[in-house]
Amino acid sequence: MQKPTEHHRRIGYNRHVPVPPTILVLDSGLGGLTVLREIVPMRPDTHFVYVADDLFFPYGHHSEAEIIARVVPLVGDLIAAHRPDLIVIACNTISTLVMSHLRAAYTLPFVGTVPAIKPACARSKTRRVSVLGTKGTVQREYTRALIRDFGHGCEVTLVGSPELASLAETAFNGNDVSDTAIATEFAPCFVGDPVDPAARTDTIVLACTHYPLLLDRLIRLAPWPVDWIDPAPAIARRVADLSGPQAGGGASGPAGIVFTSGRSPPPALASALARFGIGA
């Protein structure tokens, strides 16, 4: 029988000493927690490390060259420090811009996050879909190619929000964010006749993992009901497919969190993190 390699021992293939695999989840801030909370129930055997690159947040305030120069070596440092078996890029900006560079530089499997345009357009009844993302995400050719390939003849409105990710981060940290500030950011998503449901936007793609942190308020502040598309469940299914059989041995405990700024979360944030399965 083939002798187990070090990698096999680490991911639980040594039947005498099962070791849970490690999955690292990376985002610019705390938005990727909306992805993590979908993955954890599907892989209870797994050790999770969540990394918030708050030192560089928000990515939308940096050029594409700066983001690439930041993320590629950062991921190398994280691989060396945490030795993950799989990395989830829980950020549309990184996924649409840096993923090819990461796959070229490192041999680990990566799962990215891209605007869920295909399922949104397939689901829309009125054929009017809006994509709500950061300015960088909605301007990228990657996003426009998704519309060309999977738009299914829908009228797709691209809305680049300059501040919604920061507002979500602020609110999650326990600080006040006004309804007006939030509504202003996503108002352009609502296109068409407000009194005729058949002639207006009925589906909105949340093309930033921060936005589901505000989903309750988005629903409440929306001028009419729409279907909000969050890609996190699909990402979790992809992670489960790539992770292979579970190692067994039960749950591995709360996920750990790393802030690239080196800060420790204040009590209000620590309490919020605990609701997402994070042990600060």
C-alpha atoms as a PDB file:
ATOM      1  CA  MET A   1       0.000   0.000   0.000  1.00  0.00           C
ATOM      2  CA  GLN A   2       1.207   3.482  -0.848  1.00  0.00           C
ATOM      3  CA  LYS A   3       2.742   5.251   2.124  1.00  0.00           C
ATOM      4  CA  PRO A   4       0.684   8.332   3.083  1.00  0.00           C
ATOM      5  CA  THR A   5       2.302  11.615   2.159  1.00  0.00           C
ATOM      6  CA  GLU A   6       2.505  14.588   4.488  1.00  0.00           C
ATOM      7  CA  HIS A   7      -0.434  16.098   2.595  1.00  0.00           C
ATOM      8  CA  HIS A   8      -2.472  12.929   3.134  1.00  0.00           C
ATOM      9  CA  ARG A   9      -1.736  12.949   6.847  1.00  0.00           C
ATOM     10  CA  ARG A  10      -2.800  16.593   7.116  1.00  0.00           C
ATOM     11  CA  ILE A  11      -6.135  16.206   5.369  1.00  0.00           C
ATOM     12  CA  GLY A  12      -7.181  13.138   7.275  1.00  0.00           C
ATOM     13  CA  TYR A  13      -6.185  10.198   5.067  1.00  0.00           C
ATOM     14  CA  ASN A  14      -4.111   8.664   7.851  1.00  0.00           C
ATOM     15  CA  ARG A  15      -6.773   6.402   9.293  1.00  0.00           C
ATOM     16  CA  HIS A  16      -4.942   6.130  12.604  1.00  0.00           C
ATOM     17  CA  VAL A  17      -4.675   9.882  13.252  1.00  0.00           C
ATOM     18  CA  PRO A  18      -7.417  11.749  11.363  1.00  0.00           C
ATOM     19  CA  VAL A  19      -6.535  15.399  10.981  1.00  0.00           C
ATOM     20  CA  PRO A  20      -9.178  17.885   9.806  1.00  0.00           C
ATOM     21  CA  PRO A  21      -8.436  19.737   6.587  1.00  0.00           C
ATOM     22  CA  THR A  22      -7.879  23.475   6.680  1.00  0.00           C
ATOM     23  CA  ILE A  23      -9.814  25.895   4.491  1.00  0.00           C
ATOM     24  CA  LEU A  24      -8.748  29.520   4.367  1.00  0.00           C
ATOM     25  CA  VAL A  25     -11.320  32.176   3.455  1.00  0.00           C
ATOM     26  CA  LEU A  26      -9.974  35.542   2.290  1.00  0.00           C
ATOM     27  CA  ASP A  27     -11.765  38.863   1.804  1.00  0.00           C
ATOM     28  CA  SER A  28     -10.835  42.523   1.958  1.00  0.00           C
ATOM     29  CA  GLY A  29     -12.867  42.826   5.156  1.00  0.00           C
ATOM     30  CA  LEU A  30     -15.767  41.075   6.839  1.00  0.00           C
ATOM     31  CA  GLY A  31     -18.042  40.504   3.849  1.00  0.00           C
ATOM     32  CA  GLY A  32     -16.639  37.031   3.263  1.00  0.00           C
ATOM     33  CA  LEU A  33     -18.286  35.937   6.497  1.00  0.00           C
ATOM     34  CA  THR A  34     -21.478  35.643   4.440  1.00  0.00           C
ATOM     35  CA  VAL A  35     -19.693  32.937   2.443  1.00  0.00           C
ATOM     36  CA  LEU A  36     -18.095  31.285   5.461  1.00  0.00           C
ATOM     37  CA  ARG A  37     -21.445  30.802   7.211  1.00  0.00           C
ATOM     38  CA  GLU A  38     -22.694  28.799   4.206  1.00  0.00           C
ATOM     39  CA  ILE A  39     -19.593  26.605   4.019  1.00  0.00           C
ATOM     40  CA  VAL A  40     -19.243  25.689   7.693  1.00  0.00           C
ATOM     41  CA  PRO A  41     -22.434  23.567   7.973  1.00  0.00           C
ATOM     42  CA  MET A  42     -21.409  21.616   4.876  1.00  0.00           C
ATOM     43  CA  ARG A  43     -17.924  20.831   6.227  1.00  0.00           C
ATOM     44  CA  PRO A  44     -18.235  20.385  10.011  1.00  0.00           C
ATOM     45  CA  ASP A  45     -15.013  18.361  10.017  1.00  0.00           C
ATOM     46  CA  THR A  46     -12.944  21.279   8.713  1.00  0.00           C
ATOM     47  CA  HIS A  47     -10.717  23.816  10.424  1.00  0.00           C
ATOM     48  CA  PHE A  48     -11.427  27.290   9.020  1.00  0.00           C
ATOM     49  CA  VAL A  49      -9.212  30.351   9.023  1.00  0.00           C
ATOM     50  CA  TYR A  50     -10.858  33.617   8.011  1.00  0.00           C
ATOM     51  CA  VAL A  51      -8.555  36.416   6.849  1.00  0.00           C
ATOM     52  CA  ALA A  52      -9.753  40.008   6.604  1.00  0.00           C
ATOM     53  CA  ASP A  53      -7.288  42.189   4.724  1.00  0.00           C
ATOM     54  CA  ASP A  54      -8.471  45.268   6.579  1.00  0.00           C
ATOM     55  CA  LEU A  55      -5.076  46.900   6.177  1.00  0.00           C
ATOM     56  CA  PHE A  56      -5.907  47.345   2.478  1.00  0.00           C
ATOM     57  CA  PHE A  57      -9.693  47.805   2.793  1.00  0.00           C
ATOM     58  CA  PRO A  58     -11.535  48.836   0.709  1.00  0.00           C
ATOM     59  CA  TYR A  59      -9.976  47.338  -2.400  1.00  0.00           C
ATOM     60  CA  GLY A  60     -12.139  49.623  -4.528  1.00  0.00           C
ATOM     61  CA  HIS A  61      -9.974  52.569  -3.499  1.00  0.00           C
ATOM     62  CA  HIS A  62      -6.874  51.007  -5.092  1.00  0.00           C
ATOM     63  CA  SER A  63      -5.820  50.533  -8.705  1.00  0.00           C
ATOM     64  CA  GLU A  64      -5.898  47.120 -10.366  1.00  0.00           C
ATOM     65  CA  ALA A  65      -2.094  46.978 -10.386  1.00  0.00           C
ATOM     66  CA  GLU A  66      -1.982  47.788  -6.670  1.00  0.00           C
ATOM     67  CA  ILE A  67      -4.523  45.070  -5.855  1.00  0.00           C
ATOM     68  CA  ILE A  68      -2.600  42.423  -7.799  1.00  0.00           C
ATOM     69  CA  ALA A  69       0.672  43.484  -6.193  1.00  0.00           C
ATOM     70  CA  ARG A  70      -0.974  43.282  -2.769  1.00  0.00           C
ATOM     71  CA  VAL A  71      -2.947  40.044  -3.013  1.00  0.00           C
ATOM     72  CA  VAL A  72      -0.554  37.646  -4.760  1.00  0.00           C
ATOM     73  CA  PRO A  73       2.271  37.856  -2.161  1.00  0.00           C
ATOM     74  CA  LEU A  74      -0.272  38.098   0.682  1.00  0.00           C
ATOM     75  CA  VAL A  75      -1.743  34.745  -0.331  1.00  0.00           C
ATOM     76  CA  GLY A  76       1.764  33.271  -0.421  1.00  0.00           C
ATOM     77  CA  ASP A  77       2.366  34.456   3.138  1.00  0.00           C
ATOM     78  CA  LEU A  78      -0.984  33.006   4.249  1.00  0.00           C
ATOM     79  CA  ILE A  79      -0.207  29.645   2.674  1.00  0.00           C
ATOM     80  CA  ALA A  80       3.110  29.529   4.511  1.00  0.00           C
ATOM     81  CA  ALA A  81       1.518  30.519   7.821  1.00  0.00           C
ATOM     82  CA  HIS A  82      -1.622  28.368   7.784  1.00  0.00           C
ATOM     83  CA  ARG A  83      -0.932  25.566   5.287  1.00  0.00           C
ATOM     84  CA  PRO A  84      -4.483  25.417   3.941  1.00  0.00           C
ATOM     85  CA  ASP A  85      -5.732  22.615   1.719  1.00  0.00           C
ATOM     86  CA  LEU A  86      -8.075  24.945  -0.168  1.00  0.00           C
ATOM     87  CA  ILE A  87      -8.512  28.697  -0.384  1.00  0.00           C
ATOM     88  CA  VAL A  88     -11.831  30.479  -0.878  1.00  0.00           C
ATOM     89  CA  ILE A  89     -11.539  33.947  -2.355  1.00  0.00           C
ATOM     90  CA  ALA A  90     -14.708  35.435  -0.863  1.00  0.00           C
ATOM     91  CA  CYS A  91     -14.368  38.691  -2.770  1.00  0.00           C
ATOM     92  CA  ASN A  92     -15.596  39.615  -6.236  1.00  0.00           C
ATOM     93  CA  THR A  93     -12.810  42.147  -6.733  1.00  0.00           C
ATOM     94  CA  ILE A  94     -10.035  39.610  -6.161  1.00  0.00           C
ATOM     95  CA  SER A  95     -11.834  36.864  -8.051  1.00  0.00           C
ATOM     96  CA  THR A  96     -12.471  38.905 -11.195  1.00  0.00           C
ATOM     97  CA  LEU A  97      -9.017  40.484 -11.202  1.00  0.00           C
ATOM     98  CA  VAL A  98      -6.401  38.351  -9.437  1.00  0.00           C
ATOM     99  CA  MET A  99      -7.592  34.737  -9.673  1.00  0.00           C
ATOM    100  CA  SER A 100      -5.573  33.880 -12.791  1.00  0.00           C
ATOM    101  CA  HIS A 101      -2.438  35.250 -11.107  1.00  0.00           C
ATOM    102  CA  LEU A 102      -3.090  33.182  -7.967  1.00  0.00           C
ATOM    103  CA  ARG A 103      -3.623  29.961  -9.902  1.00  0.00           C
ATOM    104  CA  ALA A 104      -0.446  30.597 -11.861  1.00  0.00           C
ATOM    105  CA  ALA A 105       1.565  31.226  -8.700  1.00  0.00           C
ATOM    106  CA  TYR A 106       0.248  28.497  -6.371  1.00  0.00           C
ATOM    107  CA  THR A 107      -0.807  24.871  -6.813  1.00  0.00           C
ATOM    108  CA  LEU A 108      -3.553  24.835  -4.172  1.00  0.00           C
ATOM    109  CA  PRO A 109      -7.176  24.708  -5.345  1.00  0.00           C
ATOM    110  CA  PHE A 110      -8.954  28.070  -5.286  1.00  0.00           C
ATOM    111  CA  VAL A 111     -12.692  28.763  -5.247  1.00  0.00           C
ATOM    112  CA  GLY A 112     -13.643  32.259  -6.324  1.00  0.00           C
ATOM    113  CA  THR A 113     -16.648  34.547  -6.134  1.00  0.00           C
ATOM    114  CA  VAL A 114     -18.065  36.053  -9.313  1.00  0.00           C
ATOM    115  CA  PRO A 115     -21.308  37.935 -10.040  1.00  0.00           C
ATOM    116  CA  ALA A 116     -24.197  35.450 -10.188  1.00  0.00           C
ATOM    117  CA  ILE A 117     -25.464  36.796 -13.503  1.00  0.00           C
ATOM    118  CA  LYS A 118     -26.298  33.428 -15.060  1.00  0.00           C
ATOM    119  CA  PRO A 119     -28.774  32.247 -12.383  1.00  0.00           C
ATOM    120  CA  ALA A 120     -30.218  35.749 -11.999  1.00  0.00           C
ATOM    121  CA  CYS A 121     -31.017  36.106 -15.684  1.00  0.00           C
ATOM    122  CA  ALA A 122     -32.384  32.582 -15.852  1.00  0.00           C
ATOM    123  CA  ARG A 123     -34.696  33.331 -12.917  1.00  0.00           C
ATOM    124  CA  SER A 124     -35.955  36.799 -13.884  1.00  0.00           C
ATOM    125  CA  LYS A 125     -39.575  36.931 -15.010  1.00  0.00           C
ATOM    126  CA  THR A 126     -39.541  40.541 -16.267  1.00  0.00           C
ATOM    127  CA  ARG A 127     -36.142  40.153 -18.012  1.00  0.00           C
ATOM    128  CA  ARG A 128     -34.850  43.148 -16.071  1.00  0.00           C
ATOM    129  CA  VAL A 129     -31.865  42.393 -13.844  1.00  0.00           C
ATOM    130  CA  SER A 130     -29.511  44.684 -11.948  1.00  0.00           C
ATOM    131  CA  VAL A 131     -25.978  43.852 -10.829  1.00  0.00           C
ATOM    132  CA  LEU A 132     -25.022  45.705  -7.649  1.00  0.00           C
ATOM    133  CA  GLY A 133     -21.281  45.661  -7.054  1.00  0.00           C
ATOM    134  CA  THR A 134     -18.278  47.834  -6.430  1.00  0.00           C
ATOM    135  CA  LYS A 135     -17.288  50.227  -9.187  1.00  0.00           C
ATOM    136  CA  GLY A 136     -14.346  48.017 -10.101  1.00  0.00           C
ATOM    137  CA  THR A 137     -16.388  44.832 -10.352  1.00  0.00           C
ATOM    138  CA  VAL A 138     -19.105  46.256 -12.598  1.00  0.00           C
ATOM    139  CA  GLN A 139     -16.551  47.941 -14.883  1.00  0.00           C
ATOM    140  CA  ARG A 140     -14.451  44.831 -15.495  1.00  0.00           C
ATOM    141  CA  GLU A 141     -14.557  42.999 -18.799  1.00  0.00           C
ATOM    142  CA  TYR A 142     -15.050  39.757 -16.851  1.00  0.00           C
ATOM    143  CA  THR A 143     -18.457  40.986 -15.661  1.00  0.00           C
ATOM    144  CA  ARG A 144     -19.475  42.211 -19.097  1.00  0.00           C
ATOM    145  CA  ALA A 145     -18.484  38.871 -20.609  1.00  0.00           C
ATOM    146  CA  LEU A 146     -20.789  37.109 -18.145  1.00  0.00           C
ATOM    147  CA  ILE A 147     -23.649  39.286 -19.370  1.00  0.00           C
ATOM    148  CA  ARG A 148     -22.871  38.548 -23.011  1.00  0.00           C
ATOM    149  CA  ASP A 149     -22.596  34.811 -22.377  1.00  0.00           C
ATOM    150  CA  PHE A 150     -25.413  34.278 -19.887  1.00  0.00           C
ATOM    151  CA  GLY A 151     -27.717  37.296 -20.143  1.00  0.00           C
ATOM    152  CA  HIS A 152     -30.424  35.292 -21.916  1.00  0.00           C
ATOM    153  CA  GLY A 153     -31.685  38.474 -23.559  1.00  0.00           C
ATOM    154  CA  CYS A 154     -32.231  40.263 -20.257  1.00  0.00           C
ATOM    155  CA  GLU A 155     -31.836  43.995 -19.853  1.00  0.00           C
ATOM    156  CA  VAL A 156     -28.973  44.103 -17.339  1.00  0.00           C
ATOM    157  CA  THR A 157     -28.245  47.301 -15.411  1.00  0.00           C
ATOM    158  CA  LEU A 158     -24.779  47.582 -13.888  1.00  0.00           C
ATOM    159  CA  VAL A 159     -24.690  49.617 -10.672  1.00  0.00           C
ATOM    160  CA  GLY A 160     -21.303  50.468  -9.206  1.00  0.00           C
ATOM    161  CA  SER A 161     -21.708  51.461  -5.584  1.00  0.00           C
ATOM    162  CA  PRO A 162     -18.827  53.556  -4.236  1.00  0.00           C
ATOM    163  CA  GLU A 163     -19.634  53.192  -0.532  1.00  0.00           C
ATOM    164  CA  LEU A 164     -21.999  50.275   0.198  1.00  0.00           C
ATOM    165  CA  ALA A 165     -19.211  47.855   1.133  1.00  0.00           C
ATOM    166  CA  SER A 166     -17.797  50.380   3.576  1.00  0.00           C
ATOM    167  CA  LEU A 167     -21.263  51.018   4.999  1.00  0.00           C
ATOM    168  CA  ALA A 168     -21.747  47.274   5.532  1.00  0.00           C
ATOM    169  CA  GLU A 169     -18.367  47.039   7.243  1.00  0.00           C
ATOM    170  CA  THR A 170     -19.199  50.006   9.455  1.00  0.00           C
ATOM    171  CA  ALA A 171     -22.576  48.571  10.451  1.00  0.00           C
ATOM    172  CA  PHE A 172     -21.146  45.126  11.178  1.00  0.00           C
ATOM    173  CA  ASN A 173     -18.575  46.723  13.476  1.00  0.00           C
ATOM    174  CA  GLY A 174     -21.483  48.010  15.571  1.00  0.00           C
ATOM    175  CA  ASN A 175     -21.600  51.583  14.319  1.00  0.00           C
ATOM    176  CA  ASP A 176     -24.664  53.494  13.122  1.00  0.00           C
ATOM    177  CA  VAL A 177     -25.376  53.684   9.397  1.00  0.00           C
ATOM    178  CA  SER A 178     -28.420  55.617   8.231  1.00  0.00           C
ATOM    179  CA  ASP A 179     -31.151  54.172   6.035  1.00  0.00           C
ATOM    180  CA  THR A 180     -30.690  57.112   3.696  1.00  0.00           C
ATOM    181  CA  ALA A 181     -27.016  56.320   3.133  1.00  0.00           C
ATOM    182  CA  ILE A 182     -27.814  52.701   2.272  1.00  0.00           C
ATOM    183  CA  ALA A 183     -30.811  53.479   0.058  1.00  0.00           C
ATOM    184  CA  THR A 184     -28.832  56.043  -1.925  1.00  0.00           C
ATOM    185  CA  GLU A 185     -26.248  53.424  -2.856  1.00  0.00           C
ATOM    186  CA  PHE A 186     -28.639  50.849  -4.314  1.00  0.00           C
ATOM    187  CA  ALA A 187     -31.460  53.088  -5.641  1.00  0.00           C
ATOM    188  CA  PRO A 188     -30.186  52.929  -9.284  1.00  0.00           C
ATOM    189  CA  CYS A 189     -30.840  49.173  -9.280  1.00  0.00           C
ATOM    190  CA  PHE A 190     -34.577  49.769  -9.461  1.00  0.00           C
ATOM    191  CA  VAL A 191     -35.455  50.441 -13.079  1.00  0.00           C
ATOM    192  CA  GLY A 192     -38.858  50.625 -14.748  1.00  0.00           C
ATOM    193  CA  ASP A 193     -42.447  51.425 -13.907  1.00  0.00           C
ATOM    194  CA  PRO A 194     -42.991  51.364 -10.118  1.00  0.00           C
ATOM    195  CA  VAL A 195     -46.700  50.615 -10.548  1.00  0.00           C
ATOM    196  CA  ASP A 196     -46.359  47.865 -13.165  1.00  0.00           C
ATOM    197  CA  PRO A 197     -44.593  44.765 -11.806  1.00  0.00           C
ATOM    198  CA  ALA A 198     -44.186  43.347 -15.319  1.00  0.00           C
ATOM    199  CA  ALA A 199     -42.148  46.353 -16.485  1.00  0.00           C
ATOM    200  CA  ARG A 200     -39.570  46.781 -13.773  1.00  0.00           C
ATOM    201  CA  THR A 201     -36.502  45.192 -12.199  1.00  0.00           C
ATOM    202  CA  ASP A 202     -37.364  41.972 -10.416  1.00  0.00           C
ATOM    203  CA  THR A 203     -33.903  40.501  -9.688  1.00  0.00           C
ATOM    204  CA  ILE A 204     -30.758  42.035  -8.181  1.00  0.00           C
ATOM    205  CA  VAL A 205     -27.365  40.325  -8.087  1.00  0.00           C
ATOM    206  CA  LEU A 206     -25.374  41.060  -4.939  1.00  0.00           C
ATOM    207  CA  ALA A 207     -21.938  41.224  -6.559  1.00  0.00           C
ATOM    208  CA  CYS A 208     -20.052  41.985  -3.362  1.00  0.00           C
ATOM    209  CA  THR A 209     -19.928  39.644  -0.392  1.00  0.00           C
ATOM    210  CA  HIS A 210     -20.354  42.590   1.975  1.00  0.00           C
ATOM    211  CA  TYR A 211     -23.849  43.377   0.735  1.00  0.00           C
ATOM    212  CA  PRO A 212     -25.648  40.362   2.281  1.00  0.00           C
ATOM    213  CA  LEU A 213     -24.559  41.725   5.666  1.00  0.00           C
ATOM    214  CA  LEU A 214     -27.153  44.442   4.992  1.00  0.00           C
ATOM    215  CA  LEU A 215     -29.758  42.206   3.338  1.00  0.00           C
ATOM    216  CA  ASP A 216     -32.484  42.784   5.940  1.00  0.00           C
ATOM    217  CA  ARG A 217     -32.180  46.524   5.427  1.00  0.00           C
ATOM    218  CA  LEU A 218     -31.956  46.235   1.638  1.00  0.00           C
ATOM    219  CA  ILE A 219     -35.238  44.308   1.646  1.00  0.00           C
ATOM    220  CA  ARG A 220     -36.899  46.815   3.957  1.00  0.00           C
ATOM    221  CA  LEU A 221     -35.705  49.889   2.041  1.00  0.00           C
ATOM    222  CA  ALA A 222     -36.397  48.573  -1.464  1.00  0.00           C
ATOM    223  CA  PRO A 223     -39.106  50.512  -3.347  1.00  0.00           C
ATOM    224  CA  TRP A 224     -40.653  47.210  -4.454  1.00  0.00           C
ATOM    225  CA  PRO A 225     -39.968  43.502  -3.781  1.00  0.00           C
ATOM    226  CA  VAL A 226     -37.191  41.878  -5.802  1.00  0.00           C
ATOM    227  CA  ASP A 227     -35.291  38.608  -5.776  1.00  0.00           C
ATOM    228  CA  TRP A 228     -31.873  39.232  -4.212  1.00  0.00           C
ATOM    229  CA  ILE A 229     -29.237  36.787  -5.547  1.00  0.00           C
ATOM    230  CA  ASP A 230     -26.495  35.866  -3.078  1.00  0.00           C
ATOM    231  CA  PRO A 231     -23.781  33.582  -4.555  1.00  0.00           C
ATOM    232  CA  ALA A 232     -22.684  32.208  -1.171  1.00  0.00           C
ATOM    233  CA  PRO A 233     -24.733  28.955  -1.251  1.00  0.00           C
ATOM    234  CA  ALA A 234     -23.328  28.077  -4.693  1.00  0.00           C
ATOM    235  CA  ILE A 235     -19.793  28.789  -3.467  1.00  0.00           C
ATOM    236  CA  ALA A 236     -20.350  26.504  -0.491  1.00  0.00           C
ATOM    237  CA  ARG A 237     -21.519  23.688  -2.771  1.00  0.00           C
ATOM    238  CA  ARG A 238     -18.405  24.100  -4.917  1.00  0.00           C
ATOM    239  CA  VAL A 239     -16.176  23.966  -1.845  1.00  0.00           C
ATOM    240  CA  ALA A 240     -17.927  20.800  -0.659  1.00  0.00           C
ATOM    241  CA  ASP A 241     -17.406  19.193  -4.072  1.00  0.00           C
ATOM    242  CA  LEU A 242     -13.693  20.006  -4.129  1.00  0.00           C
ATOM    243  CA  SER A 243     -13.053  19.059  -0.498  1.00  0.00           C
ATOM    244  CA  GLY A 244     -13.741  15.352  -0.991  1.00  0.00           C
ATOM    245  CA  PRO A 245     -14.931  12.980   1.728  1.00  0.00           C
ATOM    246  CA  GLN A 246     -15.208  14.314   5.243  1.00  0.00           C
ATOM    247  CA  ALA A 247     -12.435  13.364   7.628  1.00  0.00           C
ATOM    248  CA  GLY A 248     -14.793  12.447  10.473  1.00  0.00           C
ATOM    249  CA  GLY A 249     -14.219  13.107  14.120  1.00  0.00           C
ATOM    250  CA  GLY A 250     -16.951  15.731  14.545  1.00  0.00           C
ATOM    251  CA  ALA A 251     -16.772  19.484  14.516  1.00  0.00           C
ATOM    252  CA  SER A 252     -13.379  21.152  14.652  1.00  0.00           C
ATOM    253  CA  GLY A 253     -14.428  24.126  16.774  1.00  0.00           C
ATOM    254  CA  PRO A 254     -14.954  27.795  15.893  1.00  0.00           C
ATOM    255  CA  ALA A 255     -13.100  29.334  12.983  1.00  0.00           C
ATOM    256  CA  GLY A 256     -10.162  31.574  13.685  1.00  0.00           C
ATOM    257  CA  ILE A 257      -9.872  35.099  12.320  1.00  0.00           C
ATOM    258  CA  VAL A 258      -6.839  37.069  11.204  1.00  0.00           C
ATOM    259  CA  PHE A 259      -6.838  40.810  10.570  1.00  0.00           C
ATOM    260  CA  THR A 260      -3.889  41.908   8.436  1.00  0.00           C
ATOM    261  CA  SER A 261      -3.789  45.125  10.447  1.00  0.00           C
ATOM    262  CA  GLY A 262      -3.045  43.014  13.516  1.00  0.00           C
ATOM    263  CA  ARG A 263      -5.974  44.443  15.467  1.00  0.00           C
ATOM    264  CA  SER A 264      -8.097  42.534  17.940  1.00  0.00           C
ATOM    265  CA  PRO A 265     -11.866  42.892  17.511  1.00  0.00           C
ATOM    266  CA  PRO A 266     -13.625  45.143  20.047  1.00  0.00           C
ATOM    267  CA  PRO A 267     -16.415  43.574  22.147  1.00  0.00           C
ATOM    268  CA  ALA A 268     -19.248  44.606  19.798  1.00  0.00           C
ATOM    269  CA  LEU A 269     -17.483  43.074  16.806  1.00  0.00           C
ATOM    270  CA  ALA A 270     -16.454  39.980  18.753  1.00  0.00           C
ATOM    271  CA  SER A 271     -20.100  39.359  19.598  1.00  0.00           C
ATOM    272  CA  ALA A 272     -21.096  39.713  15.932  1.00  0.00           C
ATOM    273  CA  LEU A 273     -18.291  37.396  14.846  1.00  0.00           C
ATOM    274  CA  ALA A 274     -19.481  34.739  17.277  1.00  0.00           C
ATOM    275  CA  ARG A 275     -22.831  34.660  15.471  1.00  0.00           C
ATOM    276  CA  PHE A 276     -20.900  33.700  12.325  1.00  0.00           C
ATOM    277  CA  GLY A 277     -19.030  30.905  14.079  1.00  0.00           C
ATOM    278  CA  ILE A 278     -15.834  32.899  14.585  1.00  0.00           C
ATOM    279  CA  GLY A 279     -13.776  32.589  17.736  1.00  0.00           C
ATOM    280  CA  ALA A 280     -11.957  35.892  17.996  1.00  0.00           C
END
